[in-house]
């Protein structure tokens, strides 16, 4: 039973990571002034986020963040997602994302994932 919950928690983290990408795309489209800027921000911002995650956050990252640096990375990563949702006019979704991230992080720390 506990191993199933741990697996679900890791799945939730993956889904939350994907939600950050969606949030950043929504932000880019919401704040863009005209379609060229919307496309540039809606595509460019997620590419920047993907690069950062690939370098530091992914389990196979070139320079994986560990310990306190991992905590800092996750705060900035998921905080950016919540901030992007809030800035795109979706404050309730921002709160929901932030809350889910906090619960997920607490469970990962508790279960040493």
PDB file of N, CA and C in Angstrom:
ATOM      1  N   UNK A   1       0.822  -1.195   0.000  1.00  0.00           N
ATOM      2  CA  UNK A   1       0.000   0.000   0.000  1.00  0.00           C
ATOM      3  C   UNK A   1       0.867   1.259   0.000  1.00  0.00           C
ATOM      4  N   UNK A   2       1.855   1.315   0.885  1.00  0.00           N
ATOM      5  CA  UNK A   2       2.706   2.492   0.972  1.00  0.00           C
ATOM      6  C   UNK A   2       3.519   2.677  -0.312  1.00  0.00           C
ATOM      7  N   UNK A   3       3.972   1.564  -0.890  1.00  0.00           N
ATOM      8  CA  UNK A   3       4.748   1.691  -2.129  1.00  0.00           C
ATOM      9  C   UNK A   3       3.884   2.245  -3.263  1.00  0.00           C
ATOM     10  N   UNK A   4       2.602   1.912  -3.261  1.00  0.00           N
ATOM     11  CA  UNK A   4       1.690   2.469  -4.264  1.00  0.00           C
ATOM     12  C   UNK A   4       1.511   3.970  -4.058  1.00  0.00           C
ATOM     13  N   UNK A   5       1.398   4.402  -2.813  1.00  0.00           N
ATOM     14  CA  UNK A   5       1.266   5.832  -2.527  1.00  0.00           C
ATOM     15  C   UNK A   5       2.534   6.587  -2.922  1.00  0.00           C
ATOM     16  N   UNK A   6       3.685   5.965  -2.671  1.00  0.00           N
ATOM     17  CA  UNK A   6       4.940   6.599  -3.059  1.00  0.00           C
ATOM     18  C   UNK A   6       5.024   6.746  -4.576  1.00  0.00           C
ATOM     19  N   UNK A   7       4.597   5.716  -5.290  1.00  0.00           N
ATOM     20  CA  UNK A   7       4.600   5.783  -6.749  1.00  0.00           C
ATOM     21  C   UNK A   7       3.647   6.861  -7.240  1.00  0.00           C
ATOM     22  N   UNK A   8       2.484   6.959  -6.635  1.00  0.00           N
ATOM     23  CA  UNK A   8       1.527   7.998  -7.012  1.00  0.00           C
ATOM     24  C   UNK A   8       2.081   9.387  -6.734  1.00  0.00           C
ATOM     25  N   UNK A   9       2.834   9.520  -5.657  1.00  0.00           N
ATOM     26  CA  UNK A   9       3.417  10.817  -5.333  1.00  0.00           C
ATOM     27  C   UNK A   9       4.464  11.221  -6.368  1.00  0.00           C
ATOM     28  N   UNK A  10       5.251  10.251  -6.839  1.00  0.00           N
ATOM     29  CA  UNK A  10       6.218  10.557  -7.892  1.00  0.00           C
ATOM     30  C   UNK A  10       5.520  10.897  -9.205  1.00  0.00           C
ATOM     31  N   UNK A  11       4.424  10.212  -9.491  1.00  0.00           N
ATOM     32  CA  UNK A  11       3.625  10.549 -10.670  1.00  0.00           C
ATOM     33  C   UNK A  11       3.073  11.965 -10.542  1.00  0.00           C
ATOM     34  N   UNK A  12       2.602  12.316  -9.351  1.00  0.00           N
ATOM     35  CA  UNK A  12       2.098  13.665  -9.122  1.00  0.00           C
ATOM     36  C   UNK A  12       3.195  14.690  -9.366  1.00  0.00           C
ATOM     37  N   UNK A  13       4.409  14.418  -8.934  1.00  0.00           N
ATOM     38  CA  UNK A  13       5.493  15.375  -9.163  1.00  0.00           C
ATOM     39  C   UNK A  13       5.711  15.571 -10.655  1.00  0.00           C
ATOM     40  N   UNK A  14       5.698  14.484 -11.418  1.00  0.00           N
ATOM     41  CA  UNK A  14       5.865  14.594 -12.861  1.00  0.00           C
ATOM     42  C   UNK A  14       4.751  15.447 -13.470  1.00  0.00           C
ATOM     43  N   UNK A  15       3.521  15.211 -13.044  1.00  0.00           N
ATOM     44  CA  UNK A  15       2.391  15.984 -13.563  1.00  0.00           C
ATOM     45  C   UNK A  15       2.492  17.452 -13.160  1.00  0.00           C
ATOM     46  N   UNK A  16       2.993  17.722 -11.967  1.00  0.00           N
ATOM     47  CA  UNK A  16       3.199  19.105 -11.537  1.00  0.00           C
ATOM     48  C   UNK A  16       4.288  19.786 -12.368  1.00  0.00           C
ATOM     49  N   UNK A  17       5.333  19.030 -12.718  1.00  0.00           N
ATOM     50  CA  UNK A  17       6.371  19.575 -13.590  1.00  0.00           C
ATOM     51  C   UNK A  17       5.768  19.968 -14.935  1.00  0.00           C
ATOM     52  N   UNK A  18       4.916  19.121 -15.473  1.00  0.00           N
ATOM     53  CA  UNK A  18       4.260  19.429 -16.745  1.00  0.00           C
ATOM     54  C   UNK A  18       3.325  20.629 -16.599  1.00  0.00           C
ATOM     55  N   UNK A  19       2.676  20.738 -15.455  1.00  0.00           N
ATOM     56  CA  UNK A  19       1.777  21.868 -15.211  1.00  0.00           C
ATOM     57  C   UNK A  19       2.536  23.187 -15.238  1.00  0.00           C
ATOM     58  N   UNK A  20       3.789  23.175 -14.805  1.00  0.00           N
ATOM     59  CA  UNK A  20       4.590  24.395 -14.855  1.00  0.00           C
ATOM     60  C   UNK A  20       4.784  24.828 -16.309  1.00  0.00           C
ATOM     61  N   UNK A  21       5.039  23.886 -17.191  1.00  0.00           N
ATOM     62  CA  UNK A  21       5.180  24.233 -18.611  1.00  0.00           C
ATOM     63  C   UNK A  21       3.896  24.853 -19.149  1.00  0.00           C
ATOM     64  N   UNK A  22       2.768  24.248 -18.820  1.00  0.00           N
ATOM     65  CA  UNK A  22       1.473  24.769 -19.271  1.00  0.00           C
ATOM     66  C   UNK A  22       1.261  26.182 -18.723  1.00  0.00           C
ATOM     67  N   UNK A  23       1.591  26.379 -17.462  1.00  0.00           N
ATOM     68  CA  UNK A  23       1.421  27.692 -16.834  1.00  0.00           C
ATOM     69  C   UNK A  23       2.261  28.749 -17.537  1.00  0.00           C
ATOM     70  N   UNK A  24       3.480  28.399 -17.897  1.00  0.00           N
ATOM     71  CA  UNK A  24       4.366  29.353 -18.557  1.00  0.00           C
ATOM     72  C   UNK A  24       3.861  29.681 -19.961  1.00  0.00           C
ATOM     73  N   UNK A  25       3.320  28.687 -20.662  1.00  0.00           N
ATOM     74  CA  UNK A  25       2.731  28.954 -21.977  1.00  0.00           C
ATOM     75  C   UNK A  25       1.535  29.899 -21.827  1.00  0.00           C
ATOM     76  N   UNK A  26       0.671  29.615 -20.849  1.00  0.00           N
ATOM     77  CA  UNK A  26      -0.492  30.486 -20.614  1.00  0.00           C
ATOM     78  C   UNK A  26      -0.054  31.909 -20.302  1.00  0.00           C
ATOM     79  N   UNK A  27       0.985  32.046 -19.507  1.00  0.00           N
ATOM     80  CA  UNK A  27       1.512  33.370 -19.197  1.00  0.00           C
ATOM     81  C   UNK A  27       1.987  34.078 -20.455  1.00  0.00           C
ATOM     82  N   UNK A  28       2.760  33.373 -21.281  1.00  0.00           N
ATOM     83  CA  UNK A  28       3.284  33.982 -22.495  1.00  0.00           C
ATOM     84  C   UNK A  28       2.191  34.483 -23.415  1.00  0.00           C
ATOM     85  N   UNK A  29       1.133  33.699 -23.544  1.00  0.00           N
ATOM     86  CA  UNK A  29       0.025  34.100 -24.403  1.00  0.00           C
ATOM     87  C   UNK A  29      -0.772  35.245 -23.770  1.00  0.00           C
ATOM     88  N   UNK A  30      -0.912  35.223 -22.449  1.00  0.00           N
ATOM     89  CA  UNK A  30      -1.718  36.249 -21.764  1.00  0.00           C
ATOM     90  C   UNK A  30      -1.045  37.616 -21.755  1.00  0.00           C
ATOM     91  N   UNK A  31       0.257  37.650 -21.605  1.00  0.00           N
ATOM     92  CA  UNK A  31       0.928  38.950 -21.479  1.00  0.00           C
ATOM     93  C   UNK A  31       1.437  39.480 -22.815  1.00  0.00           C
ATOM     94  N   UNK A  32       1.461  38.628 -23.820  1.00  0.00           N
ATOM     95  CA  UNK A  32       1.944  39.066 -25.121  1.00  0.00           C
ATOM     96  C   UNK A  32       1.038  40.124 -25.739  1.00  0.00           C
ATOM     97  N   UNK A  33       1.643  41.067 -26.414  1.00  0.00           N
ATOM     98  CA  UNK A  33       0.895  42.142 -27.078  1.00  0.00           C
ATOM     99  C   UNK A  33       0.972  41.893 -28.581  1.00  0.00           C
ATOM    100  N   UNK A  34      -0.013  41.181 -29.095  1.00  0.00           N
ATOM    101  CA  UNK A  34      -0.005  40.806 -30.502  1.00  0.00           C
ATOM    102  C   UNK A  34       0.514  39.396 -30.674  1.00  0.00           C
ATOM    103  N   UNK A  35       0.104  38.761 -31.744  1.00  0.00           N
ATOM    104  CA  UNK A  35       0.422  37.348 -31.893  1.00  0.00           C
ATOM    105  C   UNK A  35       1.909  37.042 -32.025  1.00  0.00           C
ATOM    106  N   UNK A  36       2.753  37.896 -32.629  1.00  0.00           N
ATOM    107  CA  UNK A  36       4.174  37.525 -32.684  1.00  0.00           C
ATOM    108  C   UNK A  36       4.809  37.437 -31.295  1.00  0.00           C
ATOM    109  N   UNK A  37       4.443  38.363 -30.433  1.00  0.00           N
ATOM    110  CA  UNK A  37       4.993  38.352 -29.070  1.00  0.00           C
ATOM    111  C   UNK A  37       4.405  37.189 -28.284  1.00  0.00           C
ATOM    112  N   UNK A  38       3.121  36.921 -28.459  1.00  0.00           N
ATOM    113  CA  UNK A  38       2.485  35.789 -27.779  1.00  0.00           C
ATOM    114  C   UNK A  38       3.159  34.475 -28.162  1.00  0.00           C
ATOM    115  N   UNK A  39       3.431  34.305 -29.448  1.00  0.00           N
ATOM    116  CA  UNK A  39       4.088  33.077 -29.912  1.00  0.00           C
ATOM    117  C   UNK A  39       5.512  33.012 -29.362  1.00  0.00           C
ATOM    118  N   UNK A  40       6.224  34.129 -29.422  1.00  0.00           N
ATOM    119  CA  UNK A  40       7.607  34.148 -28.931  1.00  0.00           C
ATOM    120  C   UNK A  40       7.666  33.807 -27.447  1.00  0.00           C
ATOM    121  N   UNK A  41       6.797  34.422 -26.649  1.00  0.00           N
ATOM    122  CA  UNK A  41       6.791  34.136 -25.209  1.00  0.00           C
ATOM    123  C   UNK A  41       6.212  32.755 -24.919  1.00  0.00           C
ATOM    124  N   UNK A  42       5.157  32.395 -25.639  1.00  0.00           N
ATOM    125  CA  UNK A  42       4.507  31.107 -25.410  1.00  0.00           C
ATOM    126  C   UNK A  42       5.376  29.924 -25.778  1.00  0.00           C
ATOM    127  N   UNK A  43       6.321  30.130 -26.681  1.00  0.00           N
ATOM    128  CA  UNK A  43       7.254  29.069 -27.061  1.00  0.00           C
ATOM    129  C   UNK A  43       8.599  29.249 -26.358  1.00  0.00           C
ATOM    130  N   UNK A  44       9.077  30.472 -26.300  1.00  0.00           N
ATOM    131  CA  UNK A  44      10.402  30.734 -25.734  1.00  0.00           C
ATOM    132  C   UNK A  44      10.513  30.475 -24.241  1.00  0.00           C
ATOM    133  N   UNK A  45       9.516  30.905 -23.487  1.00  0.00           N
ATOM    134  CA  UNK A  45       9.582  30.717 -22.031  1.00  0.00           C
ATOM    135  C   UNK A  45       9.619  29.232 -21.640  1.00  0.00           C
ATOM    136  N   UNK A  46       8.771  28.381 -22.237  1.00  0.00           N
ATOM    137  CA  UNK A  46       8.877  26.959 -21.896  1.00  0.00           C
ATOM    138  C   UNK A  46      10.213  26.335 -22.318  1.00  0.00           C
ATOM    139  N   UNK A  47      10.784  26.823 -23.410  1.00  0.00           N
ATOM    140  CA  UNK A  47      12.081  26.296 -23.836  1.00  0.00           C
ATOM    141  C   UNK A  47      13.159  26.639 -22.802  1.00  0.00           C
ATOM    142  N   UNK A  48      13.097  27.852 -22.266  1.00  0.00           N
ATOM    143  CA  UNK A  48      14.044  28.239 -21.210  1.00  0.00           C
ATOM    144  C   UNK A  48      13.841  27.348 -19.985  1.00  0.00           C
ATOM    145  N   UNK A  49      12.579  27.123 -19.628  1.00  0.00           N
ATOM    146  CA  UNK A  49      12.280  26.271 -18.465  1.00  0.00           C
ATOM    147  C   UNK A  49      12.753  24.835 -18.708  1.00  0.00           C
ATOM    148  N   UNK A  50      12.517  24.309 -19.908  1.00  0.00           N
ATOM    149  CA  UNK A  50      12.956  22.946 -20.238  1.00  0.00           C
ATOM    150  C   UNK A  50      14.468  22.818 -20.138  1.00  0.00           C
ATOM    151  N   UNK A  51      15.169  23.830 -20.599  1.00  0.00           N
ATOM    152  CA  UNK A  51      16.627  23.805 -20.537  1.00  0.00           C
ATOM    153  C   UNK A  51      17.102  23.786 -19.092  1.00  0.00           C
ATOM    154  N   UNK A  52      16.510  24.624 -18.264  1.00  0.00           N
ATOM    155  CA  UNK A  52      16.893  24.661 -16.848  1.00  0.00           C
ATOM    156  C   UNK A  52      16.628  23.321 -16.173  1.00  0.00           C
ATOM    157  N   UNK A  53      15.460  22.731 -16.456  1.00  0.00           N
ATOM    158  CA  UNK A  53      15.126  21.453 -15.824  1.00  0.00           C
ATOM    159  C   UNK A  53      16.040  20.349 -16.327  1.00  0.00           C
ATOM    160  N   UNK A  54      16.350  20.366 -17.615  1.00  0.00           N
ATOM    161  CA  UNK A  54      17.230  19.345 -18.181  1.00  0.00           C
ATOM    162  C   UNK A  54      18.635  19.432 -17.588  1.00  0.00           C
ATOM    163  N   UNK A  55      19.090  20.636 -17.301  1.00  0.00           N
ATOM    164  CA  UNK A  55      20.432  20.807 -16.754  1.00  0.00           C
ATOM    165  C   UNK A  55      20.529  20.496 -15.262  1.00  0.00           C
ATOM    166  N   UNK A  56      19.466  20.836 -14.508  1.00  0.00           N
ATOM    167  CA  UNK A  56      19.584  20.760 -13.058  1.00  0.00           C
ATOM    168  C   UNK A  56      18.532  19.916 -12.346  1.00  0.00           C
ATOM    169  N   UNK A  57      17.337  19.749 -12.918  1.00  0.00           N
ATOM    170  CA  UNK A  57      16.246  19.115 -12.193  1.00  0.00           C
ATOM    171  C   UNK A  57      15.980  17.673 -12.532  1.00  0.00           C
ATOM    172  N   UNK A  58      16.256  17.289 -13.747  1.00  0.00           N
ATOM    173  CA  UNK A  58      15.960  15.936 -14.209  1.00  0.00           C
ATOM    174  C   UNK A  58      16.840  14.905 -13.490  1.00  0.00           C
ATOM    175  N   UNK A  59      16.315  13.697 -13.290  1.00  0.00           N
ATOM    176  CA  UNK A  59      17.158  12.652 -12.683  1.00  0.00           C
ATOM    177  C   UNK A  59      18.421  12.366 -13.505  1.00  0.00           C
ATOM    178  N   UNK A  60      18.358  12.613 -14.809  1.00  0.00           N
ATOM    179  CA  UNK A  60      19.522  12.398 -15.676  1.00  0.00           C
ATOM    180  C   UNK A  60      20.183  13.718 -16.069  1.00  0.00           C
ATOM    181  N   UNK A  61      20.052  14.713 -15.238  1.00  0.00           N
ATOM    182  CA  UNK A  61      20.578  16.044 -15.534  1.00  0.00           C
ATOM    183  C   UNK A  61      22.103  16.027 -15.613  1.00  0.00           C
ATOM    184  N   UNK A  62      22.622  16.933 -16.407  1.00  0.00           N
ATOM    185  CA  UNK A  62      24.068  17.070 -16.517  1.00  0.00           C
ATOM    186  C   UNK A  62      24.687  17.500 -15.186  1.00  0.00           C
ATOM    187  N   UNK A  63      24.001  18.376 -14.486  1.00  0.00           N
ATOM    188  CA  UNK A  63      24.464  18.874 -13.187  1.00  0.00           C
ATOM    189  C   UNK A  63      23.294  18.824 -12.209  1.00  0.00           C
ATOM    190  N   UNK A  64      22.932  17.631 -11.731  1.00  0.00           N
ATOM    191  CA  UNK A  64      21.730  17.527 -10.889  1.00  0.00           C
ATOM    192  C   UNK A  64      21.880  18.277  -9.561  1.00  0.00           C
ATOM    193  N   UNK A  65      20.848  19.027  -9.245  1.00  0.00           N
ATOM    194  CA  UNK A  65      20.827  19.755  -7.972  1.00  0.00           C
ATOM    195  C   UNK A  65      20.530  18.765  -6.848  1.00  0.00           C
ATOM    196  N   UNK A  66      21.280  18.882  -5.762  1.00  0.00           N
ATOM    197  CA  UNK A  66      21.097  17.995  -4.622  1.00  0.00           C
ATOM    198  C   UNK A  66      21.045  18.813  -3.328  1.00  0.00           C
ATOM    199  N   UNK A  67      20.429  18.230  -2.324  1.00  0.00           N
ATOM    200  CA  UNK A  67      20.387  18.880  -1.023  1.00  0.00           C
ATOM    201  C   UNK A  67      19.666  20.213  -1.055  1.00  0.00           C
ATOM    202  N   UNK A  68      20.301  21.205  -0.441  1.00  0.00           N
ATOM    203  CA  UNK A  68      19.690  22.532  -0.353  1.00  0.00           C
ATOM    204  C   UNK A  68      19.487  23.148  -1.732  1.00  0.00           C
ATOM    205  N   UNK A  69      20.405  22.879  -2.658  1.00  0.00           N
ATOM    206  CA  UNK A  69      20.255  23.416  -4.012  1.00  0.00           C
ATOM    207  C   UNK A  69      19.019  22.841  -4.699  1.00  0.00           C
ATOM    208  N   UNK A  70      18.693  21.592  -4.395  1.00  0.00           N
ATOM    209  CA  UNK A  70      17.486  20.983  -4.963  1.00  0.00           C
ATOM    210  C   UNK A  70      16.246  21.703  -4.436  1.00  0.00           C
ATOM    211  N   UNK A  71      16.257  22.007  -3.153  1.00  0.00           N
ATOM    212  CA  UNK A  71      15.127  22.728  -2.558  1.00  0.00           C
ATOM    213  C   UNK A  71      14.985  24.100  -3.217  1.00  0.00           C
ATOM    214  N   UNK A  72      16.095  24.801  -3.394  1.00  0.00           N
ATOM    215  CA  UNK A  72      16.063  26.113  -4.040  1.00  0.00           C
ATOM    216  C   UNK A  72      15.530  25.991  -5.461  1.00  0.00           C
ATOM    217  N   UNK A  73      16.009  24.996  -6.205  1.00  0.00           N
ATOM    218  CA  UNK A  73      15.540  24.788  -7.568  1.00  0.00           C
ATOM    219  C   UNK A  73      14.034  24.549  -7.602  1.00  0.00           C
ATOM    220  N   UNK A  74      13.537  23.690  -6.731  1.00  0.00           N
ATOM    221  CA  UNK A  74      12.108  23.385  -6.729  1.00  0.00           C
ATOM    222  C   UNK A  74      11.265  24.582  -6.312  1.00  0.00           C
ATOM    223  N   UNK A  75      11.756  25.364  -5.368  1.00  0.00           N
ATOM    224  CA  UNK A  75      11.014  26.569  -4.966  1.00  0.00           C
ATOM    225  C   UNK A  75      10.910  27.524  -6.149  1.00  0.00           C
ATOM    226  N   UNK A  76      12.014  27.742  -6.851  1.00  0.00           N
ATOM    227  CA  UNK A  76      11.980  28.632  -8.010  1.00  0.00           C
ATOM    228  C   UNK A  76      11.154  28.032  -9.143  1.00  0.00           C
ATOM    229  N   UNK A  77      11.306  26.743  -9.389  1.00  0.00           N
ATOM    230  CA  UNK A  77      10.605  26.080 -10.493  1.00  0.00           C
ATOM    231  C   UNK A  77       9.089  26.142 -10.305  1.00  0.00           C
ATOM    232  N   UNK A  78       8.628  25.583  -9.185  1.00  0.00           N
ATOM    233  CA  UNK A  78       7.189  25.541  -8.956  1.00  0.00           C
ATOM    234  C   UNK A  78       6.636  26.923  -8.605  1.00  0.00           C
ATOM    235  N   UNK A  79       7.465  27.747  -7.985  1.00  0.00           N
ATOM    236  CA  UNK A  79       7.055  29.132  -7.742  1.00  0.00           C
ATOM    237  C   UNK A  79       6.858  29.891  -9.046  1.00  0.00           C
ATOM    238  N   UNK A  80       7.703  29.632 -10.034  1.00  0.00           N
ATOM    239  CA  UNK A  80       7.545  30.266 -11.342  1.00  0.00           C
ATOM    240  C   UNK A  80       6.240  29.833 -11.993  1.00  0.00           C
ATOM    241  N   UNK A  81       5.893  28.566 -11.826  1.00  0.00           N
ATOM    242  CA  UNK A  81       4.625  28.088 -12.370  1.00  0.00           C
ATOM    243  C   UNK A  81       3.433  28.764 -11.718  1.00  0.00           C
ATOM    244  N   UNK A  82       3.470  28.869 -10.398  1.00  0.00           N
ATOM    245  CA  UNK A  82       2.376  29.526  -9.683  1.00  0.00           C
ATOM    246  C   UNK A  82       2.316  31.010 -10.031  1.00  0.00           C
ATOM    247  N   UNK A  83       3.468  31.654 -10.120  1.00  0.00           N
ATOM    248  CA  UNK A  83       3.500  33.074 -10.475  1.00  0.00           C
ATOM    249  C   UNK A  83       2.994  33.291 -11.902  1.00  0.00           C
ATOM    250  N   UNK A  84       3.325  32.385 -12.798  1.00  0.00           N
ATOM    251  CA  UNK A  84       2.862  32.497 -14.178  1.00  0.00           C
ATOM    252  C   UNK A  84       1.345  32.376 -14.252  1.00  0.00           C
ATOM    253  N   UNK A  85       0.785  31.451 -13.482  1.00  0.00           N
ATOM    254  CA  UNK A  85      -0.676  31.323 -13.456  1.00  0.00           C
ATOM    255  C   UNK A  85      -1.326  32.580 -12.890  1.00  0.00           C
ATOM    256  N   UNK A  86      -0.772  33.096 -11.816  1.00  0.00           N
ATOM    257  CA  UNK A  86      -1.333  34.312 -11.213  1.00  0.00           C
ATOM    258  C   UNK A  86      -1.241  35.484 -12.190  1.00  0.00           C
ATOM    259  N   UNK A  87      -0.097  35.622 -12.867  1.00  0.00           N
ATOM    260  CA  UNK A  87       0.095  36.727 -13.802  1.00  0.00           C
ATOM    261  C   UNK A  87      -0.774  36.594 -15.048  1.00  0.00           C
ATOM    262  N   UNK A  88      -1.214  35.377 -15.345  1.00  0.00           N
ATOM    263  CA  UNK A  88      -2.073  35.184 -16.512  1.00  0.00           C
ATOM    264  C   UNK A  88      -3.551  35.285 -16.151  1.00  0.00           C
ATOM    265  N   UNK A  89      -3.836  35.713 -14.912  1.00  0.00           N
ATOM    266  CA  UNK A  89      -5.218  35.925 -14.498  1.00  0.00           C
ATOM    267  C   UNK A  89      -5.902  34.702 -13.932  1.00  0.00           C
ATOM    268  N   UNK A  90      -5.127  33.761 -13.436  1.00  0.00           N
ATOM    269  CA  UNK A  90      -5.684  32.532 -12.854  1.00  0.00           C
ATOM    270  C   UNK A  90      -5.178  32.341 -11.420  1.00  0.00           C
ATOM    271  N   UNK A  91      -5.533  33.239 -10.515  1.00  0.00           N
ATOM    272  CA  UNK A  91      -4.988  33.162  -9.152  1.00  0.00           C
ATOM    273  C   UNK A  91      -5.411  31.909  -8.392  1.00  0.00           C
ATOM    274  N   UNK A  92      -6.614  31.421  -8.614  1.00  0.00           N
ATOM    275  CA  UNK A  92      -7.039  30.203  -7.908  1.00  0.00           C
ATOM    276  C   UNK A  92      -6.237  28.998  -8.362  1.00  0.00           C
ATOM    277  N   UNK A  93      -5.956  28.933  -9.648  1.00  0.00           N
ATOM    278  CA  UNK A  93      -5.132  27.840 -10.144  1.00  0.00           C
ATOM    279  C   UNK A  93      -3.707  27.955  -9.597  1.00  0.00           C
ATOM    280  N   UNK A  94      -3.239  29.190  -9.431  1.00  0.00           N
ATOM    281  CA  UNK A  94      -1.905  29.404  -8.866  1.00  0.00           C
ATOM    282  C   UNK A  94      -1.828  28.874  -7.438  1.00  0.00           C
ATOM    283  N   UNK A  95      -2.853  29.163  -6.656  1.00  0.00           N
ATOM    284  CA  UNK A  95      -2.900  28.669  -5.271  1.00  0.00           C
ATOM    285  C   UNK A  95      -2.982  27.148  -5.254  1.00  0.00           C
ATOM    286  N   UNK A  96      -3.793  26.580  -6.140  1.00  0.00           N
ATOM    287  CA  UNK A  96      -3.928  25.116  -6.205  1.00  0.00           C
ATOM    288  C   UNK A  96      -2.601  24.468  -6.584  1.00  0.00           C
ATOM    289  N   UNK A  97      -1.896  25.040  -7.558  1.00  0.00           N
ATOM    290  CA  UNK A  97      -0.600  24.491  -7.956  1.00  0.00           C
ATOM    291  C   UNK A  97       0.394  24.581  -6.803  1.00  0.00           C
ATOM    292  N   UNK A  98       0.460  25.732  -6.162  1.00  0.00           N
ATOM    293  CA  UNK A  98       1.393  25.905  -5.044  1.00  0.00           C
ATOM    294  C   UNK A  98       1.076  24.937  -3.910  1.00  0.00           C
ATOM    295  N   UNK A  99      -0.198  24.775  -3.590  1.00  0.00           N
ATOM    296  CA  UNK A  99      -0.588  23.839  -2.527  1.00  0.00           C
ATOM    297  C   UNK A  99      -0.237  22.405  -2.856  1.00  0.00           C
ATOM    298  N   UNK A 100      -0.521  21.998  -4.088  1.00  0.00           N
ATOM    299  CA  UNK A 100      -0.195  20.626  -4.503  1.00  0.00           C
ATOM    300  C   UNK A 100       1.314  20.395  -4.462  1.00  0.00           C
ATOM    301  N   UNK A 101       2.077  21.408  -4.855  1.00  0.00           N
ATOM    302  CA  UNK A 101       3.538  21.285  -4.816  1.00  0.00           C
ATOM    303  C   UNK A 101       4.055  21.148  -3.393  1.00  0.00           C
ATOM    304  N   UNK A 102       3.481  21.901  -2.481  1.00  0.00           N
ATOM    305  CA  UNK A 102       3.906  21.813  -1.074  1.00  0.00           C
ATOM    306  C   UNK A 102       3.595  20.454  -0.476  1.00  0.00           C
ATOM    307  N   UNK A 103       2.405  19.943  -0.740  1.00  0.00           N
ATOM    308  CA  UNK A 103       2.043  18.615  -0.228  1.00  0.00           C
ATOM    309  C   UNK A 103       2.951  17.559  -0.834  1.00  0.00           C
ATOM    310  N   UNK A 104       3.168  17.641  -2.145  1.00  0.00           N
ATOM    311  CA  UNK A 104       4.035  16.688  -2.824  1.00  0.00           C
ATOM    312  C   UNK A 104       5.444  16.716  -2.248  1.00  0.00           C
ATOM    313  N   UNK A 105       5.988  17.909  -2.058  1.00  0.00           N
ATOM    314  CA  UNK A 105       7.344  18.041  -1.519  1.00  0.00           C
ATOM    315  C   UNK A 105       7.431  17.492  -0.098  1.00  0.00           C
ATOM    316  N   UNK A 106       6.423  17.785   0.710  1.00  0.00           N
ATOM    317  CA  UNK A 106       6.428  17.279   2.093  1.00  0.00           C
ATOM    318  C   UNK A 106       6.409  15.761   2.117  1.00  0.00           C
ATOM    319  N   UNK A 107       5.592  15.159   1.269  1.00  0.00           N
ATOM    320  CA  UNK A 107       5.534  13.694   1.223  1.00  0.00           C
ATOM    321  C   UNK A 107       6.834  13.092   0.685  1.00  0.00           C
ATOM    322  N   UNK A 108       7.437  13.748  -0.299  1.00  0.00           N
ATOM    323  CA  UNK A 108       8.720  13.244  -0.807  1.00  0.00           C
ATOM    324  C   UNK A 108       9.799  13.318   0.259  1.00  0.00           C
ATOM    325  N   UNK A 109       9.793  14.370   1.051  1.00  0.00           N
ATOM    326  CA  UNK A 109      10.779  14.479   2.141  1.00  0.00           C
ATOM    327  C   UNK A 109      10.494  13.420   3.216  1.00  0.00           C
ATOM    328  N   UNK A 110       9.228  13.251   3.559  1.00  0.00           N
ATOM    329  CA  UNK A 110       8.847  12.271   4.568  1.00  0.00           C
ATOM    330  C   UNK A 110       9.232  10.859   4.135  1.00  0.00           C
ATOM    331  N   UNK A 111       8.992  10.545   2.867  1.00  0.00           N
ATOM    332  CA  UNK A 111       9.264   9.204   2.352  1.00  0.00           C
ATOM    333  C   UNK A 111      10.648   9.066   1.734  1.00  0.00           C
ATOM    334  N   UNK A 112      11.448  10.122   1.829  1.00  0.00           N
ATOM    335  CA  UNK A 112      12.836  10.116   1.305  1.00  0.00           C
ATOM    336  C   UNK A 112      12.900   9.701  -0.155  1.00  0.00           C
ATOM    337  N   UNK A 113      12.068  10.372  -0.938  1.00  0.00           N
ATOM    338  CA  UNK A 113      12.037  10.081  -2.374  1.00  0.00           C
ATOM    339  C   UNK A 113      12.949  11.032  -3.109  1.00  0.00           C
TER     340      UNK A 113
END
